[in-house]
mmCIF file of all heavy atoms, coordinates in Angstrom:
data_MODEL
# 
_entry.id   MODEL 
# 
loop_
_atom_site.group_PDB 
_atom_site.id 
_atom_site.type_symbol 
_atom_site.label_atom_id 
_atom_site.label_alt_id 
_atom_site.label_comp_id 
_atom_site.label_asym_id 
_atom_site.label_entity_id 
_atom_site.label_seq_id 
_atom_site.pdbx_PDB_ins_code 
_atom_site.Cartn_x 
_atom_site.Cartn_y 
_atom_site.Cartn_z 
_atom_site.occupancy 
_atom_site.B_iso_or_equiv 
_atom_site.pdbx_formal_charge 
_atom_site.auth_seq_id 
_atom_site.auth_comp_id 
_atom_site.auth_asym_id 
_atom_site.auth_atom_id 
_atom_site.pdbx_PDB_model_num 
ATOM 1   N N   . SER A 1 1  ? 121.678 130.996 102.330 1.00 0.00 ? 1  SER A N   1 
ATOM 2   C CA  . SER A 1 1  ? 121.153 130.549 103.626 1.00 0.00 ? 1  SER A CA  1 
ATOM 3   C C   . SER A 1 1  ? 122.213 130.931 104.716 1.00 0.00 ? 1  SER A C   1 
ATOM 4   O O   . SER A 1 1  ? 123.182 131.601 104.436 1.00 0.00 ? 1  SER A O   1 
ATOM 5   C CB  . SER A 1 1  ? 121.258 128.848 103.506 1.00 0.00 ? 1  SER A CB  1 
ATOM 6   O OG  . SER A 1 1  ? 122.574 128.385 103.452 1.00 0.00 ? 1  SER A OG  1 
ATOM 7   N N   . ARG A 1 2  ? 121.788 130.622 105.964 1.00 0.00 ? 2  ARG A N   1 
ATOM 8   C CA  . ARG A 1 2  ? 122.586 131.001 107.078 1.00 0.00 ? 2  ARG A CA  1 
ATOM 9   C C   . ARG A 1 2  ? 123.975 130.283 107.095 1.00 0.00 ? 2  ARG A C   1 
ATOM 10  O O   . ARG A 1 2  ? 124.914 130.921 107.464 1.00 0.00 ? 2  ARG A O   1 
ATOM 11  C CB  . ARG A 1 2  ? 121.881 130.691 108.333 1.00 0.00 ? 2  ARG A CB  1 
ATOM 12  C CG  . ARG A 1 2  ? 120.736 131.796 108.730 1.00 0.00 ? 2  ARG A CG  1 
ATOM 13  C CD  . ARG A 1 2  ? 119.991 131.381 109.968 1.00 0.00 ? 2  ARG A CD  1 
ATOM 14  N NE  . ARG A 1 2  ? 118.936 130.422 109.515 1.00 0.00 ? 2  ARG A NE  1 
ATOM 15  C CZ  . ARG A 1 2  ? 117.840 130.158 110.401 1.00 0.00 ? 2  ARG A CZ  1 
ATOM 16  N NH1 . ARG A 1 2  ? 117.792 130.706 111.557 1.00 0.00 ? 2  ARG A NH1 1 
ATOM 17  N NH2 . ARG A 1 2  ? 116.968 129.347 109.980 1.00 0.00 ? 2  ARG A NH2 1 
ATOM 18  N N   . ARG A 1 3  ? 123.975 129.148 106.493 1.00 0.00 ? 3  ARG A N   1 
ATOM 19  C CA  . ARG A 1 3  ? 125.276 128.491 106.446 1.00 0.00 ? 3  ARG A CA  1 
ATOM 20  C C   . ARG A 1 3  ? 126.041 128.914 105.157 1.00 0.00 ? 3  ARG A C   1 
ATOM 21  O O   . ARG A 1 3  ? 127.263 128.918 105.101 1.00 0.00 ? 3  ARG A O   1 
ATOM 22  C CB  . ARG A 1 3  ? 125.110 127.003 106.298 1.00 0.00 ? 3  ARG A CB  1 
ATOM 23  C CG  . ARG A 1 3  ? 124.710 126.398 107.707 1.00 0.00 ? 3  ARG A CG  1 
ATOM 24  C CD  . ARG A 1 3  ? 124.702 124.895 107.490 1.00 0.00 ? 3  ARG A CD  1 
ATOM 25  N NE  . ARG A 1 3  ? 124.249 124.170 108.735 1.00 0.00 ? 3  ARG A NE  1 
ATOM 26  C CZ  . ARG A 1 3  ? 123.971 122.846 108.876 1.00 0.00 ? 3  ARG A CZ  1 
ATOM 27  N NH1 . ARG A 1 3  ? 124.249 122.054 107.797 1.00 0.00 ? 3  ARG A NH1 1 
ATOM 28  N NH2 . ARG A 1 3  ? 123.748 122.374 109.990 1.00 0.00 ? 3  ARG A NH2 1 
ATOM 29  N N   . GLY A 1 4  ? 125.235 129.456 104.163 1.00 0.00 ? 4  GLY A N   1 
ATOM 30  C CA  . GLY A 1 4  ? 125.858 129.774 102.859 1.00 0.00 ? 4  GLY A CA  1 
ATOM 31  C C   . GLY A 1 4  ? 126.915 130.931 102.887 1.00 0.00 ? 4  GLY A C   1 
ATOM 32  O O   . GLY A 1 4  ? 127.823 130.846 102.190 1.00 0.00 ? 4  GLY A O   1 
ATOM 33  N N   . PHE A 1 5  ? 126.597 131.893 103.773 1.00 0.00 ? 5  PHE A N   1 
ATOM 34  C CA  . PHE A 1 5  ? 127.534 133.031 103.758 1.00 0.00 ? 5  PHE A CA  1 
ATOM 35  C C   . PHE A 1 5  ? 128.640 132.789 104.759 1.00 0.00 ? 5  PHE A C   1 
ATOM 36  O O   . PHE A 1 5  ? 129.633 133.546 104.829 1.00 0.00 ? 5  PHE A O   1 
ATOM 37  C CB  . PHE A 1 5  ? 126.828 134.352 104.064 1.00 0.00 ? 5  PHE A CB  1 
ATOM 38  C CG  . PHE A 1 5  ? 126.202 134.458 105.393 1.00 0.00 ? 5  PHE A CG  1 
ATOM 39  C CD1 . PHE A 1 5  ? 126.951 134.669 106.553 1.00 0.00 ? 5  PHE A CD1 1 
ATOM 40  C CD2 . PHE A 1 5  ? 124.855 134.215 105.465 1.00 0.00 ? 5  PHE A CD2 1 
ATOM 41  C CE1 . PHE A 1 5  ? 126.363 134.829 107.779 1.00 0.00 ? 5  PHE A CE1 1 
ATOM 42  C CE2 . PHE A 1 5  ? 124.204 134.303 106.830 1.00 0.00 ? 5  PHE A CE2 1 
ATOM 43  C CZ  . PHE A 1 5  ? 124.977 134.651 107.929 1.00 0.00 ? 5  PHE A CZ  1 
ATOM 44  N N   . LYS A 1 6  ? 128.574 131.676 105.433 1.00 0.00 ? 6  LYS A N   1 
ATOM 45  C CA  . LYS A 1 6  ? 129.736 131.376 106.435 1.00 0.00 ? 6  LYS A CA  1 
ATOM 46  C C   . LYS A 1 6  ? 130.664 130.292 105.687 1.00 0.00 ? 6  LYS A C   1 
ATOM 47  O O   . LYS A 1 6  ? 131.887 130.377 105.938 1.00 0.00 ? 6  LYS A O   1 
ATOM 48  C CB  . LYS A 1 6  ? 129.119 130.692 107.722 1.00 0.00 ? 6  LYS A CB  1 
ATOM 49  C CG  . LYS A 1 6  ? 128.424 131.822 108.423 1.00 0.00 ? 6  LYS A CG  1 
ATOM 50  C CD  . LYS A 1 6  ? 127.789 131.076 109.806 1.00 0.00 ? 6  LYS A CD  1 
ATOM 51  C CE  . LYS A 1 6  ? 127.080 132.092 110.601 1.00 0.00 ? 6  LYS A CE  1 
ATOM 52  N NZ  . LYS A 1 6  ? 126.422 131.506 111.867 1.00 0.00 ? 6  LYS A NZ  1 
ATOM 53  N N   . SER A 1 7  ? 130.077 129.288 105.041 1.00 0.00 ? 7  SER A N   1 
ATOM 54  C CA  . SER A 1 7  ? 130.820 128.230 104.516 1.00 0.00 ? 7  SER A CA  1 
ATOM 55  C C   . SER A 1 7  ? 130.926 128.283 102.960 1.00 0.00 ? 7  SER A C   1 
ATOM 56  O O   . SER A 1 7  ? 129.939 128.363 102.285 1.00 0.00 ? 7  SER A O   1 
ATOM 57  C CB  . SER A 1 7  ? 130.047 126.802 104.849 1.00 0.00 ? 7  SER A CB  1 
ATOM 58  O OG  . SER A 1 7  ? 130.559 125.759 104.130 1.00 0.00 ? 7  SER A OG  1 
ATOM 59  N N   . ASN A 1 8  ? 132.134 128.337 102.473 1.00 0.00 ? 8  ASN A N   1 
ATOM 60  C CA  . ASN A 1 8  ? 132.425 128.389 101.137 1.00 0.00 ? 8  ASN A CA  1 
ATOM 61  C C   . ASN A 1 8  ? 131.784 127.271 100.330 1.00 0.00 ? 8  ASN A C   1 
ATOM 62  O O   . ASN A 1 8  ? 131.371 127.360 99.242  1.00 0.00 ? 8  ASN A O   1 
ATOM 63  C CB  . ASN A 1 8  ? 133.996 128.588 100.778 1.00 0.00 ? 8  ASN A CB  1 
ATOM 64  C CG  . ASN A 1 8  ? 134.389 129.917 101.114 1.00 0.00 ? 8  ASN A CG  1 
ATOM 65  O OD1 . ASN A 1 8  ? 133.653 130.929 101.168 1.00 0.00 ? 8  ASN A OD1 1 
ATOM 66  N ND2 . ASN A 1 8  ? 135.725 130.060 101.348 1.00 0.00 ? 8  ASN A ND2 1 
ATOM 67  N N   . ARG A 1 9  ? 131.996 126.055 100.943 1.00 0.00 ? 9  ARG A N   1 
ATOM 68  C CA  . ARG A 1 9  ? 131.467 124.849 100.315 1.00 0.00 ? 9  ARG A CA  1 
ATOM 69  C C   . ARG A 1 9  ? 129.933 124.855 100.077 1.00 0.00 ? 9  ARG A C   1 
ATOM 70  O O   . ARG A 1 9  ? 129.438 124.570 99.070  1.00 0.00 ? 9  ARG A O   1 
ATOM 71  C CB  . ARG A 1 9  ? 131.879 123.585 101.149 1.00 0.00 ? 9  ARG A CB  1 
ATOM 72  C CG  . ARG A 1 9  ? 131.350 122.258 100.648 1.00 0.00 ? 9  ARG A CG  1 
ATOM 73  C CD  . ARG A 1 9  ? 131.826 121.229 101.661 1.00 0.00 ? 9  ARG A CD  1 
ATOM 74  N NE  . ARG A 1 9  ? 131.346 121.331 103.033 1.00 0.00 ? 9  ARG A NE  1 
ATOM 75  C CZ  . ARG A 1 9  ? 130.089 120.939 103.407 1.00 0.00 ? 9  ARG A CZ  1 
ATOM 76  N NH1 . ARG A 1 9  ? 129.284 120.413 102.515 1.00 0.00 ? 9  ARG A NH1 1 
ATOM 77  N NH2 . ARG A 1 9  ? 129.722 121.099 104.529 1.00 0.00 ? 9  ARG A NH2 1 
ATOM 78  N N   . VAL A 1 10 ? 129.262 125.348 101.190 1.00 0.00 ? 10 VAL A N   1 
ATOM 79  C CA  . VAL A 1 10 ? 127.719 125.420 101.021 1.00 0.00 ? 10 VAL A CA  1 
ATOM 80  C C   . VAL A 1 10 ? 127.409 126.556 100.022 1.00 0.00 ? 10 VAL A C   1 
ATOM 81  O O   . VAL A 1 10 ? 126.497 126.412 99.118  1.00 0.00 ? 10 VAL A O   1 
ATOM 82  C CB  . VAL A 1 10 ? 127.157 125.657 102.401 1.00 0.00 ? 10 VAL A CB  1 
ATOM 83  C CG1 . VAL A 1 10 ? 125.628 125.951 102.238 1.00 0.00 ? 10 VAL A CG1 1 
ATOM 84  C CG2 . VAL A 1 10 ? 127.500 124.577 103.382 1.00 0.00 ? 10 VAL A CG2 1 
ATOM 85  N N   . PHE A 1 11 ? 128.096 127.609 100.107 1.00 0.00 ? 11 PHE A N   1 
ATOM 86  C CA  . PHE A 1 11 ? 127.823 128.768 99.293  1.00 0.00 ? 11 PHE A CA  1 
ATOM 87  C C   . PHE A 1 11 ? 128.030 128.432 97.772  1.00 0.00 ? 11 PHE A C   1 
ATOM 88  O O   . PHE A 1 11 ? 127.074 128.756 96.968  1.00 0.00 ? 11 PHE A O   1 
ATOM 89  C CB  . PHE A 1 11 ? 128.905 129.894 99.722  1.00 0.00 ? 11 PHE A CB  1 
ATOM 90  C CG  . PHE A 1 11 ? 128.592 131.196 98.780  1.00 0.00 ? 11 PHE A CG  1 
ATOM 91  C CD1 . PHE A 1 11 ? 127.555 131.892 98.802  1.00 0.00 ? 11 PHE A CD1 1 
ATOM 92  C CD2 . PHE A 1 11 ? 129.753 131.503 97.920  1.00 0.00 ? 11 PHE A CD2 1 
ATOM 93  C CE1 . PHE A 1 11 ? 127.344 132.880 97.957  1.00 0.00 ? 11 PHE A CE1 1 
ATOM 94  C CE2 . PHE A 1 11 ? 129.650 132.690 97.115  1.00 0.00 ? 11 PHE A CE2 1 
ATOM 95  C CZ  . PHE A 1 11 ? 128.493 133.372 97.160  1.00 0.00 ? 11 PHE A CZ  1 
ATOM 96  N N   . PHE A 1 12 ? 129.126 127.791 97.384  1.00 0.00 ? 12 PHE A N   1 
ATOM 97  C CA  . PHE A 1 12 ? 129.275 127.513 95.992  1.00 0.00 ? 12 PHE A CA  1 
ATOM 98  C C   . PHE A 1 12 ? 128.301 126.431 95.560  1.00 0.00 ? 12 PHE A C   1 
ATOM 99  O O   . PHE A 1 12 ? 127.968 126.361 94.346  1.00 0.00 ? 12 PHE A O   1 
ATOM 100 C CB  . PHE A 1 12 ? 130.723 126.936 95.794  1.00 0.00 ? 12 PHE A CB  1 
ATOM 101 C CG  . PHE A 1 12 ? 131.751 128.172 95.874  1.00 0.00 ? 12 PHE A CG  1 
ATOM 102 C CD1 . PHE A 1 12 ? 132.696 128.158 96.819  1.00 0.00 ? 12 PHE A CD1 1 
ATOM 103 C CD2 . PHE A 1 12 ? 131.497 129.271 95.014  1.00 0.00 ? 12 PHE A CD2 1 
ATOM 104 C CE1 . PHE A 1 12 ? 133.575 129.188 96.818  1.00 0.00 ? 12 PHE A CE1 1 
ATOM 105 C CE2 . PHE A 1 12 ? 132.468 130.303 95.043  1.00 0.00 ? 12 PHE A CE2 1 
ATOM 106 C CZ  . PHE A 1 12 ? 133.505 130.207 95.934  1.00 0.00 ? 12 PHE A CZ  1 
ATOM 107 N N   . ARG A 1 13 ? 127.744 125.566 96.380  1.00 0.00 ? 13 ARG A N   1 
ATOM 108 C CA  . ARG A 1 13 ? 126.747 124.645 96.005  1.00 0.00 ? 13 ARG A CA  1 
ATOM 109 C C   . ARG A 1 13 ? 125.458 125.428 95.777  1.00 0.00 ? 13 ARG A C   1 
ATOM 110 O O   . ARG A 1 13 ? 124.656 125.023 94.805  1.00 0.00 ? 13 ARG A O   1 
ATOM 111 C CB  . ARG A 1 13 ? 126.507 123.620 97.239  1.00 0.00 ? 13 ARG A CB  1 
ATOM 112 C CG  . ARG A 1 13 ? 127.432 122.494 97.218  1.00 0.00 ? 13 ARG A CG  1 
ATOM 113 C CD  . ARG A 1 13 ? 127.044 121.567 98.243  1.00 0.00 ? 13 ARG A CD  1 
ATOM 114 N NE  . ARG A 1 13 ? 128.064 120.476 98.480  1.00 0.00 ? 13 ARG A NE  1 
ATOM 115 C CZ  . ARG A 1 13 ? 127.994 119.451 99.450  1.00 0.00 ? 13 ARG A CZ  1 
ATOM 116 N NH1 . ARG A 1 13 ? 126.999 119.615 100.242 1.00 0.00 ? 13 ARG A NH1 1 
ATOM 117 N NH2 . ARG A 1 13 ? 128.880 118.540 99.471  1.00 0.00 ? 13 ARG A NH2 1 
ATOM 118 N N   . GLU A 1 14 ? 125.141 126.356 96.477  1.00 0.00 ? 14 GLU A N   1 
ATOM 119 C CA  . GLU A 1 14 ? 123.939 127.226 96.350  1.00 0.00 ? 14 GLU A CA  1 
ATOM 120 C C   . GLU A 1 14 ? 123.988 128.010 95.052  1.00 0.00 ? 14 GLU A C   1 
ATOM 121 O O   . GLU A 1 14 ? 123.022 128.085 94.257  1.00 0.00 ? 14 GLU A O   1 
ATOM 122 C CB  . GLU A 1 14 ? 123.765 128.134 97.529  1.00 0.00 ? 14 GLU A CB  1 
ATOM 123 C CG  . GLU A 1 14 ? 123.319 127.294 98.817  1.00 0.00 ? 14 GLU A CG  1 
ATOM 124 C CD  . GLU A 1 14 ? 123.190 128.338 99.965  1.00 0.00 ? 14 GLU A CD  1 
ATOM 125 O OE1 . GLU A 1 14 ? 123.296 129.538 99.813  1.00 0.00 ? 14 GLU A OE1 1 
ATOM 126 O OE2 . GLU A 1 14 ? 123.039 127.747 101.129 1.00 0.00 ? 14 GLU A OE2 1 
ATOM 127 N N   . ILE A 1 15 ? 125.149 128.611 94.744  1.00 0.00 ? 15 ILE A N   1 
ATOM 128 C CA  . ILE A 1 15 ? 125.300 129.285 93.400  1.00 0.00 ? 15 ILE A CA  1 
ATOM 129 C C   . ILE A 1 15 ? 125.085 128.228 92.249  1.00 0.00 ? 15 ILE A C   1 
ATOM 130 O O   . ILE A 1 15 ? 124.402 128.591 91.363  1.00 0.00 ? 15 ILE A O   1 
ATOM 131 C CB  . ILE A 1 15 ? 126.749 129.843 93.411  1.00 0.00 ? 15 ILE A CB  1 
ATOM 132 C CG1 . ILE A 1 15 ? 126.823 131.133 94.272  1.00 0.00 ? 15 ILE A CG1 1 
ATOM 133 C CG2 . ILE A 1 15 ? 127.036 130.453 91.946  1.00 0.00 ? 15 ILE A CG2 1 
ATOM 134 C CD1 . ILE A 1 15 ? 128.192 131.781 94.366  1.00 0.00 ? 15 ILE A CD1 1 
ATOM 135 N N   . HIS A 1 16 ? 125.731 127.206 92.421  1.00 0.00 ? 16 HIS A N   1 
ATOM 136 C CA  . HIS A 1 16 ? 125.723 126.221 91.360  1.00 0.00 ? 16 HIS A CA  1 
ATOM 137 C C   . HIS A 1 16 ? 124.271 125.749 91.055  1.00 0.00 ? 16 HIS A C   1 
ATOM 138 O O   . HIS A 1 16 ? 123.837 125.605 90.006  1.00 0.00 ? 16 HIS A O   1 
ATOM 139 C CB  . HIS A 1 16 ? 126.677 124.958 91.556  1.00 0.00 ? 16 HIS A CB  1 
ATOM 140 C CG  . HIS A 1 16 ? 126.627 123.998 90.483  1.00 0.00 ? 16 HIS A CG  1 
ATOM 141 N ND1 . HIS A 1 16 ? 127.136 124.149 89.273  1.00 0.00 ? 16 HIS A ND1 1 
ATOM 142 C CD2 . HIS A 1 16 ? 126.137 122.683 90.534  1.00 0.00 ? 16 HIS A CD2 1 
ATOM 143 C CE1 . HIS A 1 16 ? 126.935 123.023 88.602  1.00 0.00 ? 16 HIS A CE1 1 
ATOM 144 N NE2 . HIS A 1 16 ? 126.389 122.101 89.299  1.00 0.00 ? 16 HIS A NE2 1 
ATOM 145 N N   . ARG A 1 17 ? 123.643 125.378 92.126  1.00 0.00 ? 17 ARG A N   1 
ATOM 146 C CA  . ARG A 1 17 ? 122.160 124.927 91.998  1.00 0.00 ? 17 ARG A CA  1 
ATOM 147 C C   . ARG A 1 17 ? 121.309 125.972 91.380  1.00 0.00 ? 17 ARG A C   1 
ATOM 148 O O   . ARG A 1 17 ? 120.525 125.650 90.553  1.00 0.00 ? 17 ARG A O   1 
ATOM 149 C CB  . ARG A 1 17 ? 121.695 124.598 93.414  1.00 0.00 ? 17 ARG A CB  1 
ATOM 150 C CG  . ARG A 1 17 ? 120.472 123.732 93.523  1.00 0.00 ? 17 ARG A CG  1 
ATOM 151 C CD  . ARG A 1 17 ? 120.124 123.404 94.910  1.00 0.00 ? 17 ARG A CD  1 
ATOM 152 N NE  . ARG A 1 17 ? 121.221 122.593 95.603  1.00 0.00 ? 17 ARG A NE  1 
ATOM 153 C CZ  . ARG A 1 17 ? 121.802 122.824 96.709  1.00 0.00 ? 17 ARG A CZ  1 
ATOM 154 N NH1 . ARG A 1 17 ? 121.594 123.913 97.285  1.00 0.00 ? 17 ARG A NH1 1 
ATOM 155 N NH2 . ARG A 1 17 ? 122.672 121.915 97.121  1.00 0.00 ? 17 ARG A NH2 1 
ATOM 156 N N   . LEU A 1 18 ? 121.466 127.254 91.689  1.00 0.00 ? 18 LEU A N   1 
ATOM 157 C CA  . LEU A 1 18 ? 120.611 128.263 91.185  1.00 0.00 ? 18 LEU A CA  1 
ATOM 158 C C   . LEU A 1 18 ? 121.024 128.505 89.622  1.00 0.00 ? 18 LEU A C   1 
ATOM 159 O O   . LEU A 1 18 ? 120.157 128.720 88.835  1.00 0.00 ? 18 LEU A O   1 
ATOM 160 C CB  . LEU A 1 18 ? 120.710 129.533 91.931  1.00 0.00 ? 18 LEU A CB  1 
ATOM 161 C CG  . LEU A 1 18 ? 119.826 130.682 91.417  1.00 0.00 ? 18 LEU A CG  1 
ATOM 162 C CD1 . LEU A 1 18 ? 118.410 130.281 91.422  1.00 0.00 ? 18 LEU A CD1 1 
ATOM 163 C CD2 . LEU A 1 18 ? 120.025 131.983 92.443  1.00 0.00 ? 18 LEU A CD2 1 
ATOM 164 N N   . LYS A 1 19 ? 122.328 128.565 89.329  1.00 0.00 ? 19 LYS A N   1 
ATOM 165 C CA  . LYS A 1 19 ? 122.763 128.805 87.999  1.00 0.00 ? 19 LYS A CA  1 
ATOM 166 C C   . LYS A 1 19 ? 122.305 127.837 87.020  1.00 0.00 ? 19 LYS A C   1 
ATOM 167 O O   . LYS A 1 19 ? 122.162 128.044 85.743  1.00 0.00 ? 19 LYS A O   1 
ATOM 168 C CB  . LYS A 1 19 ? 124.298 128.982 87.998  1.00 0.00 ? 19 LYS A CB  1 
ATOM 169 C CG  . LYS A 1 19 ? 124.808 130.365 88.461  1.00 0.00 ? 19 LYS A CG  1 
ATOM 170 C CD  . LYS A 1 19 ? 126.204 130.516 88.220  1.00 0.00 ? 19 LYS A CD  1 
ATOM 171 C CE  . LYS A 1 19 ? 126.756 131.934 88.431  1.00 0.00 ? 19 LYS A CE  1 
ATOM 172 N NZ  . LYS A 1 19 ? 128.048 132.182 88.170  1.00 0.00 ? 19 LYS A NZ  1 
ATOM 173 N N   . LYS A 1 20 ? 122.029 126.523 87.521  1.00 0.00 ? 20 LYS A N   1 
ATOM 174 C CA  . LYS A 1 20 ? 121.609 125.494 86.591  1.00 0.00 ? 20 LYS A CA  1 
ATOM 175 C C   . LYS A 1 20 ? 120.217 125.745 86.120  1.00 0.00 ? 20 LYS A C   1 
ATOM 176 O O   . LYS A 1 20 ? 119.851 125.328 85.051  1.00 0.00 ? 20 LYS A O   1 
ATOM 177 C CB  . LYS A 1 20 ? 121.631 124.098 87.365  1.00 0.00 ? 20 LYS A CB  1 
ATOM 178 C CG  . LYS A 1 20 ? 123.090 123.484 87.393  1.00 0.00 ? 20 LYS A CG  1 
ATOM 179 C CD  . LYS A 1 20 ? 123.044 122.186 88.185  1.00 0.00 ? 20 LYS A CD  1 
ATOM 180 C CE  . LYS A 1 20 ? 122.217 121.122 87.591  1.00 0.00 ? 20 LYS A CE  1 
ATOM 181 N NZ  . LYS A 1 20 ? 122.288 119.775 88.354  1.00 0.00 ? 20 LYS A NZ  1 
ATOM 182 N N   . ILE A 1 21 ? 119.422 126.559 86.874  1.00 0.00 ? 21 ILE A N   1 
ATOM 183 C CA  . ILE A 1 21 ? 118.094 126.795 86.549  1.00 0.00 ? 21 ILE A CA  1 
ATOM 184 C C   . ILE A 1 21 ? 118.047 128.066 85.775  1.00 0.00 ? 21 ILE A C   1 
ATOM 185 O O   . ILE A 1 21 ? 117.187 128.246 84.782  1.00 0.00 ? 21 ILE A O   1 
ATOM 186 C CB  . ILE A 1 21 ? 117.184 126.913 87.853  1.00 0.00 ? 21 ILE A CB  1 
ATOM 187 C CG1 . ILE A 1 21 ? 117.189 125.632 88.532  1.00 0.00 ? 21 ILE A CG1 1 
ATOM 188 C CG2 . ILE A 1 21 ? 115.863 127.448 87.508  1.00 0.00 ? 21 ILE A CG2 1 
ATOM 189 C CD1 . ILE A 1 21 ? 116.677 125.605 90.000  1.00 0.00 ? 21 ILE A CD1 1 
ATOM 190 N N   . LEU A 1 22 ? 118.869 129.108 86.074  1.00 0.00 ? 22 LEU A N   1 
ATOM 191 C CA  . LEU A 1 22 ? 118.802 130.362 85.411  1.00 0.00 ? 22 LEU A CA  1 
ATOM 192 C C   . LEU A 1 22 ? 119.399 130.323 84.039  1.00 0.00 ? 22 LEU A C   1 
ATOM 193 O O   . LEU A 1 22 ? 120.134 129.427 83.667  1.00 0.00 ? 22 LEU A O   1 
ATOM 194 C CB  . LEU A 1 22 ? 119.620 131.476 86.237  1.00 0.00 ? 22 LEU A CB  1 
ATOM 195 C CG  . LEU A 1 22 ? 119.057 131.716 87.621  1.00 0.00 ? 22 LEU A CG  1 
ATOM 196 C CD1 . LEU A 1 22 ? 119.993 132.714 88.208  1.00 0.00 ? 22 LEU A CD1 1 
ATOM 197 C CD2 . LEU A 1 22 ? 117.643 132.267 87.615  1.00 0.00 ? 22 LEU A CD2 1 
ATOM 198 N N   . ARG A 1 23 ? 119.005 131.284 83.196  1.00 0.00 ? 23 ARG A N   1 
ATOM 199 C CA  . ARG A 1 23 ? 119.623 131.357 81.828  1.00 0.00 ? 23 ARG A CA  1 
ATOM 200 C C   . ARG A 1 23 ? 120.945 131.936 82.078  1.00 0.00 ? 23 ARG A C   1 
ATOM 201 O O   . ARG A 1 23 ? 121.385 132.630 83.032  1.00 0.00 ? 23 ARG A O   1 
ATOM 202 C CB  . ARG A 1 23 ? 118.836 132.285 80.937  1.00 0.00 ? 23 ARG A CB  1 
ATOM 203 C CG  . ARG A 1 23 ? 117.383 131.864 80.824  1.00 0.00 ? 23 ARG A CG  1 
ATOM 204 C CD  . ARG A 1 23 ? 116.556 132.954 80.238  1.00 0.00 ? 23 ARG A CD  1 
ATOM 205 N NE  . ARG A 1 23 ? 115.111 132.468 79.973  1.00 0.00 ? 23 ARG A NE  1 
ATOM 206 C CZ  . ARG A 1 23 ? 114.185 133.361 79.793  1.00 0.00 ? 23 ARG A CZ  1 
ATOM 207 N NH1 . ARG A 1 23 ? 114.316 134.618 79.725  1.00 0.00 ? 23 ARG A NH1 1 
ATOM 208 N NH2 . ARG A 1 23 ? 112.925 132.808 79.590  1.00 0.00 ? 23 ARG A NH2 1 
ATOM 209 N N   . SER A 1 24 ? 121.815 131.691 81.086  1.00 0.00 ? 24 SER A N   1 
ATOM 210 C CA  . SER A 1 24 ? 123.248 131.959 81.016  1.00 0.00 ? 24 SER A CA  1 
ATOM 211 C C   . SER A 1 24 ? 123.498 133.522 81.050  1.00 0.00 ? 24 SER A C   1 
ATOM 212 O O   . SER A 1 24 ? 124.442 133.976 81.691  1.00 0.00 ? 24 SER A O   1 
ATOM 213 C CB  . SER A 1 24 ? 124.012 131.366 79.846  1.00 0.00 ? 24 SER A CB  1 
ATOM 214 O OG  . SER A 1 24 ? 123.497 131.766 78.726  1.00 0.00 ? 24 SER A OG  1 
ATOM 215 N N   . GLU A 1 25 ? 122.681 134.226 80.587  1.00 0.00 ? 25 GLU A N   1 
ATOM 216 C CA  . GLU A 1 25 ? 122.823 135.762 80.537  1.00 0.00 ? 25 GLU A CA  1 
ATOM 217 C C   . GLU A 1 25 ? 122.409 136.340 81.951  1.00 0.00 ? 25 GLU A C   1 
ATOM 218 O O   . GLU A 1 25 ? 122.747 137.572 82.030  1.00 0.00 ? 25 GLU A O   1 
ATOM 219 C CB  . GLU A 1 25 ? 121.909 136.401 79.368  1.00 0.00 ? 25 GLU A CB  1 
ATOM 220 C CG  . GLU A 1 25 ? 120.448 136.348 79.565  1.00 0.00 ? 25 GLU A CG  1 
ATOM 221 C CD  . GLU A 1 25 ? 119.849 135.155 78.831  1.00 0.00 ? 25 GLU A CD  1 
ATOM 222 O OE1 . GLU A 1 25 ? 120.583 134.104 78.524  1.00 0.00 ? 25 GLU A OE1 1 
ATOM 223 O OE2 . GLU A 1 25 ? 118.601 135.176 78.543  1.00 0.00 ? 25 GLU A OE2 1 
ATOM 224 N N   . ASN A 1 26 ? 121.774 135.644 82.870  1.00 0.00 ? 26 ASN A N   1 
ATOM 225 C CA  . ASN A 1 26 ? 121.533 136.209 84.031  1.00 0.00 ? 26 ASN A CA  1 
ATOM 226 C C   . ASN A 1 26 ? 122.695 136.221 84.953  1.00 0.00 ? 26 ASN A C   1 
ATOM 227 O O   . ASN A 1 26 ? 123.044 135.267 85.496  1.00 0.00 ? 26 ASN A O   1 
ATOM 228 C CB  . ASN A 1 26 ? 120.301 135.543 84.604  1.00 0.00 ? 26 ASN A CB  1 
ATOM 229 C CG  . ASN A 1 26 ? 119.782 136.117 85.937  1.00 0.00 ? 26 ASN A CG  1 
ATOM 230 O OD1 . ASN A 1 26 ? 120.469 136.381 86.826  1.00 0.00 ? 26 ASN A OD1 1 
ATOM 231 N ND2 . ASN A 1 26 ? 118.450 136.462 85.806  1.00 0.00 ? 26 ASN A ND2 1 
ATOM 232 N N   . GLN A 1 27 ? 123.392 137.325 85.116  1.00 0.00 ? 27 GLN A N   1 
ATOM 233 C CA  . GLN A 1 27 ? 124.534 137.477 85.996  1.00 0.00 ? 27 GLN A CA  1 
ATOM 234 C C   . GLN A 1 27 ? 123.972 137.540 87.441  1.00 0.00 ? 27 GLN A C   1 
ATOM 235 O O   . GLN A 1 27 ? 123.105 138.454 87.761  1.00 0.00 ? 27 GLN A O   1 
ATOM 236 C CB  . GLN A 1 27 ? 125.390 138.645 85.673  1.00 0.00 ? 27 GLN A CB  1 
ATOM 237 C CG  . GLN A 1 27 ? 126.740 138.603 86.396  1.00 0.00 ? 27 GLN A CG  1 
ATOM 238 C CD  . GLN A 1 27 ? 127.755 139.567 85.875  1.00 0.00 ? 27 GLN A CD  1 
ATOM 239 O OE1 . GLN A 1 27 ? 127.367 140.417 84.925  1.00 0.00 ? 27 GLN A OE1 1 
ATOM 240 N NE2 . GLN A 1 27 ? 128.905 139.633 86.312  1.00 0.00 ? 27 GLN A NE2 1 
ATOM 241 N N   . LEU A 1 28 ? 124.547 136.806 88.287  1.00 0.00 ? 28 LEU A N   1 
ATOM 242 C CA  . LEU A 1 28 ? 124.027 136.563 89.659  1.00 0.00 ? 28 LEU A CA  1 
ATOM 243 C C   . LEU A 1 28 ? 124.344 137.604 90.665  1.00 0.00 ? 28 LEU A C   1 
ATOM 244 O O   . LEU A 1 28 ? 125.462 138.140 90.703  1.00 0.00 ? 28 LEU A O   1 
ATOM 245 C CB  . LEU A 1 28 ? 124.405 135.234 90.204  1.00 0.00 ? 28 LEU A CB  1 
ATOM 246 C CG  . LEU A 1 28 ? 123.442 134.521 91.108  1.00 0.00 ? 28 LEU A CG  1 
ATOM 247 C CD1 . LEU A 1 28 ? 122.042 134.321 90.460  1.00 0.00 ? 28 LEU A CD1 1 
ATOM 248 C CD2 . LEU A 1 28 ? 124.001 133.213 91.533  1.00 0.00 ? 28 LEU A CD2 1 
# 
């Protein structure tokens, strides 16, 4: 998101949210 690449806090939330849905073998 526009905030995601500026704020580390927002960015890591976005990564975590997507990784919860993806399979473990999918490197992001």
